[in-house]
Every structure is written in C-alpha cells, then in structure tokens.
PDB file of N, CA and C in Angstrom:
ATOM      1  N   MET A   1       4.878 100.944 -19.867  1.00  0.00           N
ATOM      2  CA  MET A   1       5.367  99.623 -19.518  1.00  0.00           C
ATOM      3  C   MET A   1       6.344  99.157 -20.595  1.00  0.00           C
ATOM      4  N   GLN A   2       7.503  98.711 -20.159  1.00  0.00           N
ATOM      5  CA  GLN A   2       8.531  98.283 -21.091  1.00  0.00           C
ATOM      6  C   GLN A   2       8.366  96.796 -21.390  1.00  0.00           C
ATOM      7  N   ARG A   3       8.478  96.458 -22.644  1.00  0.00           N
ATOM      8  CA  ARG A   3       8.320  95.074 -23.080  1.00  0.00           C
ATOM      9  C   ARG A   3       9.665  94.350 -23.025  1.00  0.00           C
ATOM     10  N   VAL A   4       9.680  93.174 -22.428  1.00  0.00           N
ATOM     11  CA  VAL A   4      10.898  92.384 -22.318  1.00  0.00           C
ATOM     12  C   VAL A   4      10.957  91.413 -23.490  1.00  0.00           C
ATOM     13  N   LYS A   5      12.136  91.264 -24.048  1.00  0.00           N
ATOM     14  CA  LYS A   5      12.307  90.348 -25.170  1.00  0.00           C
ATOM     15  C   LYS A   5      12.065  88.922 -24.694  1.00  0.00           C
ATOM     16  N   SER A   6      11.186  88.218 -25.351  1.00  0.00           N
ATOM     17  CA  SER A   6      10.874  86.843 -24.947  1.00  0.00           C
ATOM     18  C   SER A   6      11.775  85.854 -25.690  1.00  0.00           C
ATOM     19  N   LEU A   7      12.134  84.794 -24.981  1.00  0.00           N
ATOM     20  CA  LEU A   7      12.975  83.746 -25.542  1.00  0.00           C
ATOM     21  C   LEU A   7      12.241  82.424 -25.438  1.00  0.00           C
ATOM     22  N   PRO A   8      12.519  81.502 -26.356  1.00  0.00           N
ATOM     23  CA  PRO A   8      11.913  80.166 -26.252  1.00  0.00           C
ATOM     24  C   PRO A   8      12.355  79.471 -24.966  1.00  0.00           C
ATOM     25  N   LEU A   9      11.461  78.697 -24.385  1.00  0.00           N
ATOM     26  CA  LEU A   9      11.740  78.012 -23.125  1.00  0.00           C
ATOM     27  C   LEU A   9      12.950  77.085 -23.235  1.00  0.00           C
ATOM     28  N   GLY A  10      13.090  76.376 -24.353  1.00  0.00           N
ATOM     29  CA  GLY A  10      14.227  75.484 -24.556  1.00  0.00           C
ATOM     30  C   GLY A  10      15.552  76.224 -24.476  1.00  0.00           C
ATOM     31  N   GLN A  11      15.597  77.398 -25.066  1.00  0.00           N
ATOM     32  CA  GLN A  11      16.818  78.205 -25.042  1.00  0.00           C
ATOM     33  C   GLN A  11      17.125  78.673 -23.622  1.00  0.00           C
ATOM     34  N   ILE A  12      16.096  79.045 -22.877  1.00  0.00           N
ATOM     35  CA  ILE A  12      16.281  79.480 -21.494  1.00  0.00           C
ATOM     36  C   ILE A  12      16.802  78.328 -20.643  1.00  0.00           C
ATOM     37  N   LEU A  13      16.250  77.132 -20.822  1.00  0.00           N
ATOM     38  CA  LEU A  13      16.702  75.968 -20.070  1.00  0.00           C
ATOM     39  C   LEU A  13      18.147  75.607 -20.395  1.00  0.00           C
ATOM     40  N   ARG A  14      18.520  75.610 -21.676  1.00  0.00           N
ATOM     41  CA  ARG A  14      19.906  75.316 -22.063  1.00  0.00           C
ATOM     42  C   ARG A  14      20.874  76.324 -21.440  1.00  0.00           C
ATOM     43  N   GLN A  15      20.486  77.596 -21.463  1.00  0.00           N
ATOM     44  CA  GLN A  15      21.335  78.631 -20.880  1.00  0.00           C
ATOM     45  C   GLN A  15      21.478  78.422 -19.373  1.00  0.00           C
ATOM     46  N   PHE A  16      20.389  78.092 -18.695  1.00  0.00           N
ATOM     47  CA  PHE A  16      20.439  77.837 -17.260  1.00  0.00           C
ATOM     48  C   PHE A  16      21.341  76.646 -16.945  1.00  0.00           C
ATOM     49  N   LEU A  17      21.170  75.549 -17.680  1.00  0.00           N
ATOM     50  CA  LEU A  17      21.987  74.359 -17.448  1.00  0.00           C
ATOM     51  C   LEU A  17      23.466  74.649 -17.669  1.00  0.00           C
ATOM     52  N   ARG A  18      23.769  75.422 -18.700  1.00  0.00           N
ATOM     53  CA  ARG A  18      25.161  75.770 -18.999  1.00  0.00           C
ATOM     54  C   ARG A  18      25.754  76.636 -17.889  1.00  0.00           C
ATOM     55  N   GLU A  19      24.986  77.623 -17.414  1.00  0.00           N
ATOM     56  CA  GLU A  19      25.482  78.513 -16.368  1.00  0.00           C
ATOM     57  C   GLU A  19      25.684  77.785 -15.043  1.00  0.00           C
ATOM     58  N   GLU A  20      24.854  76.803 -14.751  1.00  0.00           N
ATOM     59  CA  GLU A  20      24.949  76.068 -13.497  1.00  0.00           C
ATOM     60  C   GLU A  20      25.905  74.865 -13.570  1.00  0.00           C
ATOM     61  N   GLY A  21      26.486  74.624 -14.738  1.00  0.00           N
ATOM     62  CA  GLY A  21      27.425  73.522 -14.896  1.00  0.00           C
ATOM     63  C   GLY A  21      26.750  72.161 -14.958  1.00  0.00           C
ATOM     64  N   LEU A  22      25.508  72.126 -15.379  1.00  0.00           N
ATOM     65  CA  LEU A  22      24.750  70.876 -15.429  1.00  0.00           C
ATOM     66  C   LEU A  22      24.593  70.327 -16.840  1.00  0.00           C
ATOM     67  N   GLU A  23      25.039  71.057 -17.827  1.00  0.00           N
ATOM     68  CA  GLU A  23      24.862  70.628 -19.212  1.00  0.00           C
ATOM     69  C   GLU A  23      25.682  69.370 -19.517  1.00  0.00           C
ATOM     70  N   THR A  24      26.936  69.338 -19.121  1.00  0.00           N
ATOM     71  CA  THR A  24      27.786  68.179 -19.397  1.00  0.00           C
ATOM     72  C   THR A  24      27.310  66.932 -18.667  1.00  0.00           C
ATOM     73  N   PRO A  25      27.003  66.990 -17.361  1.00  0.00           N
ATOM     74  CA  PRO A  25      26.492  65.780 -16.710  1.00  0.00           C
ATOM     75  C   PRO A  25      25.188  65.267 -17.325  1.00  0.00           C
ATOM     76  N   LEU A  26      24.328  66.164 -17.750  1.00  0.00           N
ATOM     77  CA  LEU A  26      23.083  65.752 -18.383  1.00  0.00           C
ATOM     78  C   LEU A  26      23.355  65.057 -19.710  1.00  0.00           C
ATOM     79  N   ASN A  27      24.260  65.599 -20.508  1.00  0.00           N
ATOM     80  CA  ASN A  27      24.608  64.977 -21.783  1.00  0.00           C
ATOM     81  C   ASN A  27      25.320  63.639 -21.581  1.00  0.00           C
ATOM     82  N   GLU A  28      26.135  63.539 -20.533  1.00  0.00           N
ATOM     83  CA  GLU A  28      26.779  62.253 -20.232  1.00  0.00           C
ATOM     84  C   GLU A  28      25.729  61.204 -19.866  1.00  0.00           C
ATOM     85  N   TYR A  29      24.737  61.590 -19.085  1.00  0.00           N
ATOM     86  CA  TYR A  29      23.650  60.683 -18.731  1.00  0.00           C
ATOM     87  C   TYR A  29      22.907  60.234 -19.995  1.00  0.00           C
ATOM     88  N   ARG A  30      22.655  61.166 -20.899  1.00  0.00           N
ATOM     89  CA  ARG A  30      21.978  60.824 -22.156  1.00  0.00           C
ATOM     90  C   ARG A  30      22.804  59.839 -22.982  1.00  0.00           C
ATOM     91  N   ALA A  31      24.130  60.034 -23.018  1.00  0.00           N
ATOM     92  CA  ALA A  31      24.995  59.143 -23.788  1.00  0.00           C
ATOM     93  C   ALA A  31      24.957  57.727 -23.222  1.00  0.00           C
ATOM     94  N   VAL A  32      24.980  57.596 -21.909  1.00  0.00           N
ATOM     95  CA  VAL A  32      24.948  56.272 -21.279  1.00  0.00           C
ATOM     96  C   VAL A  32      23.580  55.621 -21.491  1.00  0.00           C
ATOM     97  N   SER A  33      22.526  56.400 -21.299  1.00  0.00           N
ATOM     98  CA  SER A  33      21.188  55.816 -21.390  1.00  0.00           C
ATOM     99  C   SER A  33      20.773  55.481 -22.822  1.00  0.00           C
ATOM    100  N   CYS A  34      21.402  56.069 -23.825  1.00  0.00           N
ATOM    101  CA  CYS A  34      21.016  55.774 -25.205  1.00  0.00           C
ATOM    102  C   CYS A  34      21.788  54.591 -25.795  1.00  0.00           C
ATOM    103  N   TRP A  35      22.709  53.987 -25.043  1.00  0.00           N
ATOM    104  CA  TRP A  35      23.522  52.883 -25.558  1.00  0.00           C
ATOM    105  C   TRP A  35      22.664  51.771 -26.146  1.00  0.00           C
ATOM    106  N   ASN A  36      21.676  51.296 -25.387  1.00  0.00           N
ATOM    107  CA  ASN A  36      20.836  50.191 -25.859  1.00  0.00           C
ATOM    108  C   ASN A  36      20.048  50.570 -27.102  1.00  0.00           C
ATOM    109  N   GLU A  37      19.558  51.783 -27.144  1.00  0.00           N
ATOM    110  CA  GLU A  37      18.773  52.235 -28.293  1.00  0.00           C
ATOM    111  C   GLU A  37      19.644  52.368 -29.544  1.00  0.00           C
ATOM    112  N   VAL A  38      20.825  52.947 -29.397  1.00  0.00           N
ATOM    113  CA  VAL A  38      21.713  53.172 -30.542  1.00  0.00           C
ATOM    114  C   VAL A  38      22.293  51.855 -31.059  1.00  0.00           C
ATOM    115  N   MET A  39      22.677  50.971 -30.143  1.00  0.00           N
ATOM    116  CA  MET A  39      23.357  49.741 -30.549  1.00  0.00           C
ATOM    117  C   MET A  39      22.409  48.594 -30.870  1.00  0.00           C
ATOM    118  N   GLY A  40      21.200  48.651 -30.378  1.00  0.00           N
ATOM    119  CA  GLY A  40      20.235  47.607 -30.704  1.00  0.00           C
ATOM    120  C   GLY A  40      20.133  46.531 -29.630  1.00  0.00           C
ATOM    121  N   GLU A  41      19.118  45.710 -29.777  1.00  0.00           N
ATOM    122  CA  GLU A  41      18.804  44.699 -28.770  1.00  0.00           C
ATOM    123  C   GLU A  41      19.874  43.627 -28.644  1.00  0.00           C
ATOM    124  N   MET A  42      20.455  43.199 -29.751  1.00  0.00           N
ATOM    125  CA  MET A  42      21.442  42.122 -29.717  1.00  0.00           C
ATOM    126  C   MET A  42      22.681  42.528 -28.920  1.00  0.00           C
ATOM    127  N   VAL A  43      23.196  43.723 -29.152  1.00  0.00           N
ATOM    128  CA  VAL A  43      24.366  44.202 -28.427  1.00  0.00           C
ATOM    129  C   VAL A  43      23.991  44.468 -26.961  1.00  0.00           C
ATOM    130  N   ALA A  44      22.816  45.017 -26.731  1.00  0.00           N
ATOM    131  CA  ALA A  44      22.368  45.302 -25.361  1.00  0.00           C
ATOM    132  C   ALA A  44      22.274  44.029 -24.527  1.00  0.00           C
ATOM    133  N   ARG A  45      21.950  42.924 -25.149  1.00  0.00           N
ATOM    134  CA  ARG A  45      21.843  41.649 -24.450  1.00  0.00           C
ATOM    135  C   ARG A  45      23.186  41.215 -23.865  1.00  0.00           C
ATOM    136  N   TYR A  46      24.290  41.545 -24.519  1.00  0.00           N
ATOM    137  CA  TYR A  46      25.625  41.154 -24.067  1.00  0.00           C
ATOM    138  C   TYR A  46      26.353  42.261 -23.297  1.00  0.00           C
ATOM    139  N   THR A  47      25.699  43.400 -23.104  1.00  0.00           N
ATOM    140  CA  THR A  47      26.283  44.519 -22.380  1.00  0.00           C
ATOM    141  C   THR A  47      25.911  44.413 -20.906  1.00  0.00           C
ATOM    142  N   THR A  48      26.918  44.484 -20.023  1.00  0.00           N
ATOM    143  CA  THR A  48      26.633  44.381 -18.600  1.00  0.00           C
ATOM    144  C   THR A  48      26.719  45.714 -17.873  1.00  0.00           C
ATOM    145  N   ASN A  49      27.539  46.635 -18.343  1.00  0.00           N
ATOM    146  CA  ASN A  49      27.717  47.901 -17.639  1.00  0.00           C
ATOM    147  C   ASN A  49      28.191  48.966 -18.623  1.00  0.00           C
ATOM    148  N   VAL A  50      27.593  50.160 -18.545  1.00  0.00           N
ATOM    149  CA  VAL A  50      27.996  51.291 -19.385  1.00  0.00           C
ATOM    150  C   VAL A  50      28.168  52.497 -18.471  1.00  0.00           C
ATOM    151  N   THR A  51      29.357  53.079 -18.483  1.00  0.00           N
ATOM    152  CA  THR A  51      29.635  54.286 -17.699  1.00  0.00           C
ATOM    153  C   THR A  51      30.445  55.256 -18.557  1.00  0.00           C
ATOM    154  N   ILE A  52      30.497  56.500 -18.111  1.00  0.00           N
ATOM    155  CA  ILE A  52      31.290  57.494 -18.831  1.00  0.00           C
ATOM    156  C   ILE A  52      32.075  58.324 -17.823  1.00  0.00           C
ATOM    157  N   ARG A  53      33.356  58.571 -18.147  1.00  0.00           N
ATOM    158  CA  ARG A  53      34.229  59.410 -17.340  1.00  0.00           C
ATOM    159  C   ARG A  53      35.166  60.164 -18.262  1.00  0.00           C
ATOM    160  N   ASN A  54      35.215  61.453 -18.097  1.00  0.00           N
ATOM    161  CA  ASN A  54      36.147  62.312 -18.855  1.00  0.00           C
ATOM    162  C   ASN A  54      36.051  62.098 -20.365  1.00  0.00           C
ATOM    163  N   GLY A  55      34.861  61.951 -20.882  1.00  0.00           N
ATOM    164  CA  GLY A  55      34.662  61.802 -22.317  1.00  0.00           C
ATOM    165  C   GLY A  55      34.942  60.418 -22.858  1.00  0.00           C
ATOM    166  N   ILE A  56      35.218  59.462 -21.985  1.00  0.00           N
ATOM    167  CA  ILE A  56      35.482  58.087 -22.417  1.00  0.00           C
ATOM    168  C   ILE A  56      34.337  57.212 -21.939  1.00  0.00           C
ATOM    169  N   LEU A  57      33.708  56.530 -22.878  1.00  0.00           N
ATOM    170  CA  LEU A  57      32.601  55.626 -22.573  1.00  0.00           C
ATOM    171  C   LEU A  57      33.174  54.243 -22.318  1.00  0.00           C
ATOM    172  N   TYR A  58      32.927  53.702 -21.132  1.00  0.00           N
ATOM    173  CA  TYR A  58      33.400  52.369 -20.761  1.00  0.00           C
ATOM    174  C   TYR A  58      32.234  51.401 -20.858  1.00  0.00           C
ATOM    175  N   VAL A  59      32.416  50.345 -21.652  1.00  0.00           N
ATOM    176  CA  VAL A  59      31.356  49.370 -21.880  1.00  0.00           C
ATOM    177  C   VAL A  59      31.885  47.984 -21.543  1.00  0.00           C
ATOM    178  N   SER A  60      31.193  47.291 -20.644  1.00  0.00           N
ATOM    179  CA  SER A  60      31.551  45.917 -20.288  1.00  0.00           C
ATOM    180  C   SER A  60      30.708  44.960 -21.120  1.00  0.00           C
ATOM    181  N   LEU A  61      31.386  44.026 -21.777  1.00  0.00           N
ATOM    182  CA  LEU A  61      30.708  43.061 -22.642  1.00  0.00           C
ATOM    183  C   LEU A  61      31.022  41.642 -22.189  1.00  0.00           C
ATOM    184  N   ARG A  62      30.066  40.734 -22.421  1.00  0.00           N
ATOM    185  CA  ARG A  62      30.254  39.330 -22.046  1.00  0.00           C
ATOM    186  C   ARG A  62      30.739  38.472 -23.206  1.00  0.00           C
ATOM    187  N   ASN A  63      30.751  38.994 -24.411  1.00  0.00           N
ATOM    188  CA  ASN A  63      31.079  38.203 -25.588  1.00  0.00           C
ATOM    189  C   ASN A  63      32.362  38.747 -26.235  1.00  0.00           C
ATOM    190  N   PRO A  64      33.460  37.979 -26.220  1.00  0.00           N
ATOM    191  CA  PRO A  64      34.727  38.466 -26.782  1.00  0.00           C
ATOM    192  C   PRO A  64      34.669  38.748 -28.288  1.00  0.00           C
ATOM    193  N   SER A  65      33.934  37.952 -29.026  1.00  0.00           N
ATOM    194  CA  SER A  65      33.860  38.194 -30.473  1.00  0.00           C
ATOM    195  C   SER A  65      33.076  39.478 -30.771  1.00  0.00           C
ATOM    196  N   LEU A  66      32.061  39.749 -29.989  1.00  0.00           N
ATOM    197  CA  LEU A  66      31.318  41.005 -30.146  1.00  0.00           C
ATOM    198  C   LEU A  66      32.218  42.185 -29.789  1.00  0.00           C
ATOM    199  N   ARG A  67      33.019  42.035 -28.758  1.00  0.00           N
ATOM    200  CA  ARG A  67      33.958  43.081 -28.356  1.00  0.00           C
ATOM    201  C   ARG A  67      34.894  43.426 -29.511  1.00  0.00           C
ATOM    202  N   GLN A  68      35.412  42.392 -30.173  1.00  0.00           N
ATOM    203  CA  GLN A  68      36.334  42.604 -31.296  1.00  0.00           C
ATOM    204  C   GLN A  68      35.631  43.322 -32.448  1.00  0.00           C
ATOM    205  N   ASN A  69      34.399  42.940 -32.724  1.00  0.00           N
ATOM    206  CA  ASN A  69      33.628  43.568 -33.792  1.00  0.00           C
ATOM    207  C   ASN A  69      33.363  45.036 -33.473  1.00  0.00           C
ATOM    208  N   LEU A  70      32.998  45.323 -32.236  1.00  0.00           N
ATOM    209  CA  LEU A  70      32.724  46.704 -31.852  1.00  0.00           C
ATOM    210  C   LEU A  70      33.995  47.548 -31.852  1.00  0.00           C
ATOM    211  N   LEU A  71      35.129  46.948 -31.520  1.00  0.00           N
ATOM    212  CA  LEU A  71      36.403  47.680 -31.563  1.00  0.00           C
ATOM    213  C   LEU A  71      36.707  48.183 -32.969  1.00  0.00           C
ATOM    214  N   MET A  72      36.388  47.371 -33.958  1.00  0.00           N
ATOM    215  CA  MET A  72      36.655  47.758 -35.350  1.00  0.00           C
ATOM    216  C   MET A  72      35.730  48.891 -35.797  1.00  0.00           C
ATOM    217  N   ASN A  73      34.574  49.030 -35.175  1.00  0.00           N
ATOM    218  CA  ASN A  73      33.595  50.053 -35.565  1.00  0.00           C
ATOM    219  C   ASN A  73      33.497  51.174 -34.535  1.00  0.00           C
ATOM    220  N   ARG A  74      34.521  51.344 -33.742  1.00  0.00           N
ATOM    221  CA  ARG A  74      34.500  52.302 -32.635  1.00  0.00           C
ATOM    222  C   ARG A  74      34.183  53.726 -33.083  1.00  0.00           C
ATOM    223  N   SER A  75      34.799  54.200 -34.136  1.00  0.00           N
ATOM    224  CA  SER A  75      34.588  55.593 -34.549  1.00  0.00           C
ATOM    225  C   SER A  75      33.157  55.837 -35.007  1.00  0.00           C
ATOM    226  N   GLN A  76      32.552  54.863 -35.704  1.00  0.00           N
ATOM    227  CA  GLN A  76      31.156  55.019 -36.125  1.00  0.00           C
ATOM    228  C   GLN A  76      30.219  55.023 -34.918  1.00  0.00           C
ATOM    229  N   ILE A  77      30.534  54.219 -33.905  1.00  0.00           N
ATOM    230  CA  ILE A  77      29.703  54.167 -32.697  1.00  0.00           C
ATOM    231  C   ILE A  77      29.768  55.500 -31.967  1.00  0.00           C
ATOM    232  N   VAL A  78      30.969  56.071 -31.864  1.00  0.00           N
ATOM    233  CA  VAL A  78      31.132  57.380 -31.223  1.00  0.00           C
ATOM    234  C   VAL A  78      30.290  58.419 -31.953  1.00  0.00           C
ATOM    235  N   GLN A  79      30.330  58.414 -33.271  1.00  0.00           N
ATOM    236  CA  GLN A  79      29.558  59.370 -34.056  1.00  0.00           C
ATOM    237  C   GLN A  79      28.060  59.183 -33.848  1.00  0.00           C
ATOM    238  N   LYS A  80      27.595  57.934 -33.815  1.00  0.00           N
ATOM    239  CA  LYS A  80      26.172  57.672 -33.608  1.00  0.00           C
ATOM    240  C   LYS A  80      25.698  58.156 -32.247  1.00  0.00           C
ATOM    241  N   ILE A  81      26.474  57.877 -31.212  1.00  0.00           N
ATOM    242  CA  ILE A  81      26.076  58.293 -29.866  1.00  0.00           C
ATOM    243  C   ILE A  81      26.068  59.809 -29.752  1.00  0.00           C
ATOM    244  N   ASN A  82      27.104  60.465 -30.264  1.00  0.00           N
ATOM    245  CA  ASN A  82      27.150  61.926 -30.213  1.00  0.00           C
ATOM    246  C   ASN A  82      26.014  62.548 -31.011  1.00  0.00           C
ATOM    247  N   ALA A  83      25.668  61.966 -32.141  1.00  0.00           N
ATOM    248  CA  ALA A  83      24.549  62.475 -32.934  1.00  0.00           C
ATOM    249  C   ALA A  83      23.237  62.296 -32.184  1.00  0.00           C
ATOM    250  N   HIS A  84      23.084  61.185 -31.499  1.00  0.00           N
ATOM    251  CA  HIS A  84      21.859  60.922 -30.748  1.00  0.00           C
ATOM    252  C   HIS A  84      21.723  61.895 -29.579  1.00  0.00           C
ATOM    253  N   VAL A  85      22.837  62.200 -28.916  1.00  0.00           N
ATOM    254  CA  VAL A  85      22.827  63.117 -27.775  1.00  0.00           C
ATOM    255  C   VAL A  85      22.705  64.561 -28.250  1.00  0.00           C
ATOM    256  N   GLY A  86      23.292  64.866 -29.401  1.00  0.00           N
ATOM    257  CA  GLY A  86      23.265  66.227 -29.914  1.00  0.00           C
ATOM    258  C   GLY A  86      24.427  67.076 -29.435  1.00  0.00           C
ATOM    259  N   ALA A  87      25.477  66.415 -28.952  1.00  0.00           N
ATOM    260  CA  ALA A  87      26.664  67.128 -28.476  1.00  0.00           C
ATOM    261  C   ALA A  87      27.863  66.192 -28.584  1.00  0.00           C
ATOM    262  N   GLN A  88      29.051  66.780 -28.633  1.00  0.00           N
ATOM    263  CA  GLN A  88      30.283  66.001 -28.703  1.00  0.00           C
ATOM    264  C   GLN A  88      30.699  65.614 -27.282  1.00  0.00           C
ATOM    265  N   ILE A  89      30.081  64.605 -26.733  1.00  0.00           N
ATOM    266  CA  ILE A  89      30.326  64.177 -25.364  1.00  0.00           C
ATOM    267  C   ILE A  89      31.347  63.040 -25.336  1.00  0.00           C
ATOM    268  N   VAL A  90      31.192  62.063 -26.200  1.00  0.00           N
ATOM    269  CA  VAL A  90      32.050  60.880 -26.197  1.00  0.00           C
ATOM    270  C   VAL A  90      33.193  61.095 -27.183  1.00  0.00           C
ATOM    271  N   GLN A  91      34.429  60.981 -26.689  1.00  0.00           N
ATOM    272  CA  GLN A  91      35.600  61.082 -27.560  1.00  0.00           C
ATOM    273  C   GLN A  91      36.157  59.690 -27.890  1.00  0.00           C
ATOM    274  N   ASN A  92      35.963  58.738 -26.991  1.00  0.00           N
ATOM    275  CA  ASN A  92      36.518  57.408 -27.191  1.00  0.00           C
ATOM    276  C   ASN A  92      35.653  56.394 -26.448  1.00  0.00           C
ATOM    277  N   ILE A  93      35.774  55.125 -26.838  1.00  0.00           N
ATOM    278  CA  ILE A  93      35.065  54.049 -26.172  1.00  0.00           C
ATOM    279  C   ILE A  93      36.088  52.966 -25.797  1.00  0.00           C
ATOM    280  N   VAL A  94      35.978  52.477 -24.569  1.00  0.00           N
ATOM    281  CA  VAL A  94      36.820  51.391 -24.095  1.00  0.00           C
ATOM    282  C   VAL A  94      35.900  50.213 -23.815  1.00  0.00           C
ATOM    283  N   PHE A  95      36.184  49.085 -24.475  1.00  0.00           N
ATOM    284  CA  PHE A  95      35.394  47.872 -24.262  1.00  0.00           C
ATOM    285  C   PHE A  95      36.144  46.971 -23.294  1.00  0.00           C
ATOM    286  N   LYS A  96      35.473  46.566 -22.222  1.00  0.00           N
ATOM    287  CA  LYS A  96      36.099  45.704 -21.210  1.00  0.00           C
ATOM    288  C   LYS A  96      35.522  44.313 -21.315  1.00  0.00           C
TER     289      LYS A  96
END
C-alpha cells in the first residue's frame, strides 16, 4: 500500500478556493465585514454603507468632518484592513 503525502486541511482549502476562483471574493467579503471591527464603534456609528469593487473600498459616511479625518489617514486604514484580512485586497478607499 502506497502512502499519500498528507497536507494540513487549511492548506487544502486555500488551494481549492484559489483553483475555483473563490479566494478573491472571500477576501473581499472579509475586508467589508471587518470595517466596523478595524475602525471601531465611533466610526461604525457614522458609516452607512461599505462595498468593494476592483480593489477599491467604497465607504458612505454621514459626518463630513469624520470623512475629512479618514481621508488624511487613508493609507493607514488600507494597511490595517489588509493586515486584518491577511491579503492585499484593498488598494484604495473612496469616502462618499
């Protein structure tokens, strides 16, 4: 009987998702769903809609002064979200 090389389940799942083209949509979902956790309760309170398309995260805000503050910290926010997701999914953020 020949022994088959065993792989960790996580590695098998990542490989399957990559082969089926599901890795990017899953990571995009993670980036959108982690917005409230990464940014905190105060920012989440003023956020009305978060979507992602083509590597750009679109965030709708109700507070203009908060929008201006987040614009100045855009690159740090991108880094935090990508670190939380574990992949380079978000390249830019547009605040509406």
